[in-house]
Amino acid sequence: MEKFHRRDFLKKASIAGVAGAASFLAHPRAADIVASAQDADLPVIEWDMATSWPVALDTIFGGATVFAEALAALTSGKFVITPRAAGEIAPGLEVLNVVEQGAVPCGHTASYYYVGKSPITAFGTALPFGLNAQQQNAWLYEGGGLAMLQELYAEKFGVIQFPAGNTGVQMGGWFRKEISTVADLEGLKMRIPGLGGQVMTKLGVTVQTLPGGEIFQALQTGAIDAAEWVGPYDDEKLGLHKATGFYYYPGWWEPGPTLEVQINLAEWEVLPDVYKAAVETAAYQANMTMLARYDARNNEALKRLLETGDVTLTPYSDEIMTAAEEASFELYDELAAKDADFKTVYEEWKIFRDGIYAWHDINEGGMARFIHGKLTATTS
């Protein structure tokens, strides 16, 4: 990773604070935060941030970067957080653990990496056949989801978290061979985390969890037969198309995965109120920016992948989709029966999910079906 120079960072942050003022100030609290941060008595704070991402993935690591730059700009350079690549100060899949322990004050990660600690962490990222990015934001910000999760994170891990990125609906992964039936999945070794991995286990897959930087080598050496990451833009950067050629969609296990800024609760509680407000605002900025970047870049990346001639783009069969959906809700019932906290969140989440699906089928779905029909007619 490029050596970090605090003076250069503060200079860039200052520029961002001017050039990006319209963006930051779009948040209702931002103007008051910037004004309050001029208080000469406010402390200068410098933190390292553990992340789960390689620096080369400028969109997903960029979520941590956007957050840090916005925070520095909002606090006039007094609160500086330096994102570190996966493995630099903590392994990519250990971010929540080191933040919980207080070894690192904050992190940027996907909460579903930690379903082994508690299945409720899946709600912070995504559940199979769950909410898309727009719906996820609605549930977190306005549907009570974030408040429920923050209470549970504080109780279970001594951590407070904020949404700080979303990739949008992901792709369905890369496979060495064609997958048409559930039987074709039997015995495959696949990199897939979270509850999606547990559903794949139900379908006969041998599941592994690997950080992004290790996926290509595992595919190339045959240590795994299949892997999912994010989508065309990031998958191209990781070179996954060079190790295998069957590219499936949709990523039913991650229809709208949120990434989080996680902060050790003891560190959070001693922050000045204005810094707390700045953290929330900067996380909001990162959440919106990451989704926009992925939506803007994925289409062109997919075109490039298909132009290589080595990539076969294929939808999952109805058989696999139906089996995966059934296995997903069977899993949720099992988890709810065993874990009272999961049951509490799941029941609220399911009501919200079903309601917003019905609404979006009318407005979003109606528009999408019309446009799809026009496009199909034009290209046929």
Protein backbone atom coordinates (compact mmCIF):
# COMPACT_ATOMS: atom_id res chain seq x y z
CA MET A 1 0.00 0.00 0.00
CA GLU A 2 1.19 3.49 -0.78
CA LYS A 3 2.73 5.15 2.26
CA PHE A 4 0.32 7.43 4.05
CA HIS A 5 1.30 11.06 4.58
CA ARG A 6 -0.96 12.88 7.01
CA ARG A 7 -0.13 16.32 5.65
CA ASP A 8 -1.02 15.27 2.09
CA PHE A 9 -4.22 13.63 3.31
CA LEU A 10 -5.31 16.75 5.17
CA LYS A 11 -4.57 18.85 2.12
CA LYS A 12 -6.71 16.56 -0.04
CA ALA A 13 -9.40 16.53 2.61
CA SER A 14 -9.41 20.32 2.69
CA ILE A 15 -9.80 20.42 -1.09
CA ALA A 16 -12.59 17.86 -0.83
CA GLY A 17 -14.27 20.03 1.77
CA VAL A 18 -14.48 22.87 -0.74
CA ALA A 19 -14.92 21.03 -4.05
CA GLY A 20 -17.30 18.51 -2.53
CA ALA A 21 -19.19 20.90 -0.30
CA ALA A 22 -22.44 20.47 -2.19
CA SER A 23 -22.20 16.72 -1.75
CA PHE A 24 -21.40 16.76 1.96
CA LEU A 25 -23.85 19.53 2.73
CA ALA A 26 -26.65 17.60 1.08
CA HIS A 27 -26.96 15.76 4.38
CA PRO A 28 -29.28 17.78 6.67
CA ARG A 29 -26.79 17.89 9.55
CA ALA A 30 -23.63 18.63 7.57
CA ALA A 31 -23.72 22.44 7.66
CA ASP A 32 -24.05 22.49 11.44
CA ILE A 33 -21.29 19.89 11.78
CA VAL A 34 -18.83 21.90 9.71
CA ALA A 35 -19.59 25.04 11.71
CA SER A 36 -19.28 23.27 15.07
CA ALA A 37 -16.01 21.62 14.06
CA GLN A 38 -14.34 25.03 14.01
CA ASP A 39 -14.29 24.94 17.82
CA ALA A 40 -10.64 25.31 18.82
CA ASP A 41 -11.15 23.11 21.88
CA LEU A 42 -12.05 20.04 19.88
CA PRO A 43 -9.33 17.37 19.99
CA VAL A 44 -7.23 16.14 17.07
CA ILE A 45 -7.84 12.42 16.65
CA GLU A 46 -5.99 10.01 14.37
CA TRP A 47 -7.19 6.43 13.93
CA ASP A 48 -6.25 3.51 11.73
CA MET A 49 -9.12 1.64 10.09
CA ALA A 50 -8.91 -2.08 9.39
CA THR A 51 -10.70 -3.12 6.18
CA SER A 52 -11.60 -6.35 4.45
CA TRP A 53 -10.51 -5.13 1.02
CA PRO A 54 -7.42 -4.94 -1.18
CA VAL A 55 -6.58 -1.39 -2.26
CA ALA A 56 -6.80 -2.36 -5.94
CA LEU A 57 -10.59 -2.62 -5.61
CA ASP A 58 -11.13 1.10 -5.76
CA THR A 59 -14.91 0.89 -5.45
CA ILE A 60 -15.21 -1.26 -2.34
CA PHE A 61 -12.02 -0.05 -0.64
CA GLY A 62 -13.20 3.31 -1.91
CA GLY A 63 -16.10 3.11 0.54
CA ALA A 64 -13.58 3.39 3.37
CA THR A 65 -11.71 6.13 1.52
CA VAL A 66 -14.81 8.23 0.84
CA PHE A 67 -15.81 7.89 4.48
CA ALA A 68 -12.37 9.01 5.71
CA GLU A 69 -12.16 11.94 3.31
CA ALA A 70 -15.65 13.15 4.18
CA LEU A 71 -14.95 12.85 7.90
CA ALA A 72 -11.74 14.87 7.62
CA ALA A 73 -13.47 17.54 5.55
CA LEU A 74 -16.42 17.82 7.94
CA THR A 75 -14.12 18.18 10.96
CA SER A 76 -11.66 20.60 9.36
CA GLY A 77 -8.97 17.91 9.42
CA LYS A 78 -9.22 17.31 13.16
CA PHE A 79 -10.57 13.76 12.96
CA VAL A 80 -8.45 11.72 10.57
CA ILE A 81 -9.01 8.03 9.87
CA THR A 82 -6.58 6.11 7.68
CA PRO A 83 -8.04 3.07 5.89
CA ARG A 84 -5.65 0.12 5.72
CA ALA A 85 -5.79 -2.74 3.25
CA ALA A 86 -6.85 -6.22 4.30
CA GLY A 87 -3.93 -7.93 5.99
CA GLU A 88 -2.04 -4.72 6.73
CA ILE A 89 -3.15 -4.37 10.36
CA ALA A 90 -5.72 -7.19 10.53
CA PRO A 91 -6.79 -10.13 8.34
CA GLY A 92 -9.63 -9.26 5.98
CA LEU A 93 -12.10 -11.57 7.72
CA GLU A 94 -11.17 -10.48 11.26
CA VAL A 95 -12.19 -6.81 11.17
CA LEU A 96 -15.15 -7.07 13.55
CA ASN A 97 -13.05 -9.19 15.89
CA VAL A 98 -10.19 -6.68 16.19
CA VAL A 99 -12.60 -3.76 16.57
CA GLU A 100 -14.51 -5.65 19.26
CA GLN A 101 -11.25 -6.34 21.10
CA GLY A 102 -10.18 -2.69 20.87
CA ALA A 103 -7.00 -3.64 19.01
CA VAL A 104 -8.14 -1.29 16.22
CA PRO A 105 -10.64 1.52 16.89
CA CYS A 106 -12.66 1.10 13.70
CA GLY A 107 -13.13 -0.99 10.60
CA HIS A 108 -14.86 -1.22 7.24
CA THR A 109 -16.22 -4.65 6.42
CA ALA A 110 -19.22 -6.79 5.50
CA SER A 111 -20.98 -7.89 8.65
CA TYR A 112 -22.11 -11.22 7.21
CA TYR A 113 -18.52 -12.44 7.36
CA TYR A 114 -19.21 -12.92 11.06
CA VAL A 115 -22.37 -15.04 11.04
CA GLY A 116 -20.33 -17.58 13.00
CA LYS A 117 -20.33 -15.11 15.90
CA SER A 118 -24.04 -14.41 15.54
CA PRO A 119 -26.48 -14.93 12.64
CA ILE A 120 -27.96 -11.46 13.22
CA THR A 121 -24.88 -9.99 11.52
CA ALA A 122 -26.30 -11.18 8.20
CA PHE A 123 -29.00 -8.50 8.40
CA GLY A 124 -26.30 -5.81 8.36
CA THR A 125 -25.19 -6.94 4.90
CA ALA A 126 -27.73 -9.08 3.05
CA LEU A 127 -29.92 -12.15 3.26
CA PRO A 128 -30.58 -14.47 0.32
CA PHE A 129 -33.72 -13.38 -1.54
CA GLY A 130 -33.82 -10.33 0.70
CA LEU A 131 -33.73 -6.62 0.01
CA ASN A 132 -32.16 -4.81 -2.90
CA ALA A 133 -30.03 -1.73 -2.23
CA GLN A 134 -32.93 0.73 -2.32
CA GLN A 135 -35.04 -1.48 -0.08
CA GLN A 136 -32.13 -2.16 2.27
CA ASN A 137 -31.56 1.55 2.78
CA ALA A 138 -35.28 2.03 3.40
CA TRP A 139 -35.27 -0.71 6.04
CA LEU A 140 -32.08 0.49 7.75
CA TYR A 141 -32.78 4.24 7.75
CA GLU A 142 -36.56 4.39 7.97
CA GLY A 143 -37.81 0.91 8.83
CA GLY A 144 -36.11 0.56 12.20
CA GLY A 145 -33.49 -1.89 11.00
CA LEU A 146 -30.39 0.10 11.91
CA ALA A 147 -31.67 0.92 15.39
CA MET A 148 -32.34 -2.76 16.11
CA LEU A 149 -28.96 -3.84 14.82
CA GLN A 150 -27.07 -1.11 16.68
CA GLU A 151 -28.66 -2.22 19.95
CA LEU A 152 -27.67 -5.83 19.30
CA TYR A 153 -24.14 -4.99 18.11
CA ALA A 154 -23.57 -2.94 21.25
CA GLU A 155 -24.82 -5.75 23.47
CA LYS A 156 -23.03 -8.61 21.70
CA PHE A 157 -19.80 -7.06 20.42
CA GLY A 158 -19.32 -3.69 22.12
CA VAL A 159 -19.44 -2.06 18.68
CA ILE A 160 -21.56 0.57 16.95
CA GLN A 161 -21.95 0.43 13.17
CA PHE A 162 -23.22 2.59 10.32
CA PRO A 163 -24.07 1.73 6.69
CA ALA A 164 -21.11 2.83 4.58
CA GLY A 165 -21.46 1.32 1.14
CA ASN A 166 -23.61 -0.92 -1.01
CA THR A 167 -22.65 -2.79 -4.19
CA GLY A 168 -26.17 -3.22 -5.52
CA VAL A 169 -27.41 -6.66 -6.56
CA GLN A 170 -24.40 -8.84 -7.19
CA MET A 171 -23.60 -11.43 -9.84
CA GLY A 172 -24.05 -15.15 -9.24
CA GLY A 173 -20.42 -16.14 -9.37
CA TRP A 174 -17.86 -17.89 -11.54
CA PHE A 175 -17.86 -21.64 -12.19
CA ARG A 176 -15.44 -23.98 -13.89
CA LYS A 177 -18.29 -25.92 -15.50
CA GLU A 178 -21.87 -25.32 -16.56
CA ILE A 179 -24.42 -25.52 -13.73
CA SER A 180 -27.96 -26.36 -14.86
CA THR A 181 -29.49 -28.42 -12.05
CA VAL A 182 -29.23 -28.74 -8.30
CA ALA A 183 -27.45 -32.04 -8.88
CA ASP A 184 -24.70 -30.15 -10.73
CA LEU A 185 -23.91 -28.27 -7.50
CA GLU A 186 -23.30 -31.44 -5.51
CA GLY A 187 -19.72 -31.62 -4.23
CA LEU A 188 -18.53 -28.33 -5.75
CA LYS A 189 -16.09 -26.30 -3.64
CA MET A 190 -17.24 -22.68 -3.69
CA ARG A 191 -16.13 -19.47 -2.06
CA ILE A 192 -19.30 -17.85 -0.71
CA PRO A 193 -19.77 -16.26 2.75
CA GLY A 194 -22.72 -15.43 4.97
CA LEU A 195 -26.08 -17.13 4.99
CA GLY A 196 -25.75 -17.57 1.23
CA GLY A 197 -22.97 -20.02 2.00
CA GLN A 198 -25.23 -21.90 4.41
CA VAL A 199 -27.92 -22.14 1.73
CA MET A 200 -25.36 -23.46 -0.75
CA THR A 201 -24.38 -26.06 1.84
CA LYS A 202 -27.99 -27.20 1.91
CA LEU A 203 -27.77 -27.60 -1.88
CA GLY A 204 -24.73 -29.86 -1.62
CA VAL A 205 -21.91 -27.35 -2.08
CA THR A 206 -18.74 -27.47 0.02
CA VAL A 207 -18.42 -23.85 1.14
CA GLN A 208 -15.25 -21.87 1.85
CA THR A 209 -14.86 -18.27 3.01
CA LEU A 210 -11.88 -16.42 1.55
CA PRO A 211 -11.01 -12.71 1.45
CA GLY A 212 -11.17 -11.06 -1.96
CA GLY A 213 -7.42 -10.99 -2.49
CA GLU A 214 -7.17 -14.80 -2.27
CA ILE A 215 -9.99 -15.80 -4.62
CA PHE A 216 -8.12 -15.75 -7.94
CA GLN A 217 -5.30 -17.97 -6.73
CA ALA A 218 -7.74 -20.44 -5.20
CA LEU A 219 -9.63 -20.68 -8.51
CA GLN A 220 -6.46 -20.86 -10.58
CA THR A 221 -4.96 -23.69 -8.52
CA GLY A 222 -8.19 -25.66 -8.34
CA ALA A 223 -8.50 -25.27 -4.58
CA ILE A 224 -12.08 -24.16 -5.31
CA ASP A 225 -14.37 -24.86 -8.26
CA ALA A 226 -16.43 -21.69 -8.06
CA ALA A 227 -16.48 -18.29 -6.39
CA GLU A 228 -18.62 -15.23 -6.04
CA TRP A 229 -17.28 -11.77 -5.30
CA VAL A 230 -19.25 -8.69 -6.32
CA GLY A 231 -19.89 -7.96 -10.00
CA PRO A 232 -18.22 -7.23 -13.33
CA TYR A 233 -16.14 -4.21 -12.31
CA ASP A 234 -14.50 -5.81 -9.28
CA ASP A 235 -14.46 -9.32 -10.74
CA GLU A 236 -12.54 -8.02 -13.75
CA LYS A 237 -10.00 -6.33 -11.50
CA LEU A 238 -9.46 -9.58 -9.60
CA GLY A 239 -9.03 -11.41 -12.91
CA LEU A 240 -11.62 -14.06 -12.06
CA HIS A 241 -12.49 -14.47 -15.75
CA LYS A 242 -8.94 -15.68 -16.38
CA ALA A 243 -9.38 -18.63 -14.02
CA THR A 244 -12.85 -19.82 -15.08
CA GLY A 245 -15.36 -18.93 -17.77
CA PHE A 246 -18.97 -19.55 -16.72
CA TYR A 247 -20.45 -16.36 -15.24
CA TYR A 248 -23.85 -16.74 -13.57
CA TYR A 249 -26.56 -14.29 -12.50
CA PRO A 250 -28.29 -13.11 -10.40
CA GLY A 251 -26.51 -13.16 -7.05
CA TRP A 252 -29.65 -14.23 -5.21
CA TRP A 253 -27.73 -14.35 -1.93
CA GLU A 254 -26.82 -10.64 -2.10
CA PRO A 255 -29.56 -8.54 -3.72
CA GLY A 256 -28.40 -5.35 -1.96
CA PRO A 257 -25.47 -5.90 0.40
CA THR A 258 -24.50 -3.12 2.79
CA LEU A 259 -20.94 -2.57 3.98
CA GLU A 260 -20.39 -1.09 7.41
CA VAL A 261 -18.16 1.26 9.34
CA GLN A 262 -17.76 -0.43 12.72
CA ILE A 263 -16.42 1.49 15.73
CA ASN A 264 -15.40 0.15 19.12
CA LEU A 265 -18.12 1.34 21.50
CA ALA A 266 -15.70 2.55 24.18
CA GLU A 267 -13.93 4.69 21.56
CA TRP A 268 -17.25 5.96 20.24
CA GLU A 269 -18.60 7.00 23.61
CA VAL A 270 -15.74 9.41 24.33
CA LEU A 271 -15.99 11.19 20.98
CA PRO A 272 -17.36 14.77 21.03
CA ASP A 273 -20.93 14.91 19.80
CA VAL A 274 -19.94 16.86 16.73
CA TYR A 275 -17.51 14.10 15.75
CA LYS A 276 -20.23 11.49 16.22
CA ALA A 277 -22.48 13.47 13.91
CA ALA A 278 -19.63 13.77 11.41
CA VAL A 279 -19.11 10.00 11.46
CA GLU A 280 -22.78 9.38 10.71
CA THR A 281 -22.76 11.92 7.89
CA ALA A 282 -19.53 10.61 6.37
CA ALA A 283 -20.85 7.04 6.50
CA TYR A 284 -24.01 8.17 4.73
CA GLN A 285 -21.85 9.79 2.06
CA ALA A 286 -19.89 6.56 1.58
CA ASN A 287 -23.09 4.53 1.42
CA MET A 288 -24.55 6.59 -1.40
CA THR A 289 -21.28 7.02 -3.31
CA MET A 290 -20.34 3.34 -3.49
CA LEU A 291 -23.67 2.29 -4.96
CA ALA A 292 -23.51 5.06 -7.57
CA ARG A 293 -20.01 4.02 -8.60
CA TYR A 294 -20.91 0.37 -9.02
CA ASP A 295 -24.03 1.18 -11.02
CA ALA A 296 -22.03 3.50 -13.26
CA ARG A 297 -19.15 1.08 -13.89
CA ASN A 298 -20.55 -2.45 -13.98
CA ASN A 299 -22.19 -2.33 -17.41
CA GLU A 300 -19.03 -1.32 -19.26
CA ALA A 301 -17.00 -3.87 -17.32
CA LEU A 302 -19.45 -6.62 -18.28
CA LYS A 303 -19.12 -5.62 -21.94
CA ARG A 304 -15.34 -5.92 -21.69
CA LEU A 305 -15.59 -9.35 -20.07
CA LEU A 306 -17.90 -10.64 -22.79
CA GLU A 307 -15.70 -9.19 -25.53
CA THR A 308 -12.86 -11.48 -24.45
CA GLY A 309 -14.77 -14.39 -25.91
CA ASP A 310 -13.84 -16.53 -22.93
CA VAL A 311 -16.84 -15.72 -20.74
CA THR A 312 -20.21 -17.44 -20.97
CA LEU A 313 -22.92 -15.32 -19.32
CA THR A 314 -25.75 -17.54 -18.06
CA PRO A 315 -28.77 -17.13 -15.78
CA TYR A 316 -29.34 -19.63 -13.02
CA SER A 317 -32.02 -22.12 -13.99
CA ASP A 318 -35.48 -21.88 -12.48
CA GLU A 319 -34.77 -25.20 -10.76
CA ILE A 320 -31.74 -23.80 -8.93
CA MET A 321 -33.43 -20.50 -8.11
CA THR A 322 -36.51 -22.24 -6.70
CA ALA A 323 -34.46 -24.70 -4.66
CA ALA A 324 -32.26 -21.90 -3.32
CA GLU A 325 -35.27 -19.79 -2.30
CA GLU A 326 -36.89 -22.70 -0.51
CA ALA A 327 -33.65 -23.57 1.26
CA SER A 328 -33.18 -19.93 2.29
CA PHE A 329 -36.49 -19.61 4.10
CA GLU A 330 -36.08 -23.05 5.60
CA LEU A 331 -32.75 -21.82 7.01
CA TYR A 332 -34.36 -18.67 8.43
CA ASP A 333 -36.97 -20.75 10.24
CA GLU A 334 -34.23 -22.96 11.69
CA LEU A 335 -32.19 -19.97 12.88
CA ALA A 336 -35.26 -18.27 14.37
CA ALA A 337 -36.06 -21.44 16.31
CA LYS A 338 -32.55 -21.52 17.81
CA ASP A 339 -31.67 -17.83 18.24
CA ALA A 340 -34.07 -15.41 19.94
CA ASP A 341 -32.26 -12.32 18.63
CA PHE A 342 -32.38 -13.60 15.06
CA LYS A 343 -36.07 -14.35 15.49
CA THR A 344 -36.79 -10.82 16.74
CA VAL A 345 -35.01 -9.11 13.84
CA TYR A 346 -36.22 -11.61 11.24
CA GLU A 347 -39.88 -11.18 12.09
CA GLU A 348 -39.66 -7.38 11.71
CA TRP A 349 -37.48 -7.68 8.58
CA LYS A 350 -39.85 -10.18 6.93
CA ILE A 351 -42.86 -7.93 7.40
CA PHE A 352 -40.95 -5.02 5.89
CA ARG A 353 -39.59 -7.19 3.05
CA ASP A 354 -42.98 -8.50 2.00
CA GLY A 355 -44.54 -5.04 2.12
CA ILE A 356 -41.88 -3.29 0.10
CA TYR A 357 -41.75 -6.15 -2.43
CA ALA A 358 -45.47 -5.69 -3.03
CA TRP A 359 -45.08 -1.93 -3.45
CA HIS A 360 -42.05 -2.19 -5.72
CA ASP A 361 -43.78 -4.79 -7.87
CA ILE A 362 -46.31 -2.09 -8.70
CA ASN A 363 -44.12 0.96 -9.23
CA GLU A 364 -40.52 -0.19 -9.85
CA GLY A 365 -41.56 -3.49 -11.40
CA GLY A 366 -44.20 -1.94 -13.61
CA MET A 367 -41.71 0.51 -15.06
CA ALA A 368 -38.99 -2.14 -15.49
CA ARG A 369 -41.35 -4.52 -17.29
CA PHE A 370 -42.42 -1.81 -19.72
CA ILE A 371 -38.84 -0.75 -20.50
CA HIS A 372 -37.72 -4.38 -20.84
CA GLY A 373 -40.53 -5.01 -23.31
CA LYS A 374 -39.50 -2.01 -25.41
CA LEU A 375 -35.83 -3.03 -25.38
CA THR A 376 -36.69 -6.61 -26.32
CA ALA A 377 -38.85 -5.42 -29.21
CA THR A 378 -36.08 -3.12 -30.43
CA THR A 379 -33.35 -5.77 -30.37
CA SER A 380 -35.41 -8.69 -31.73
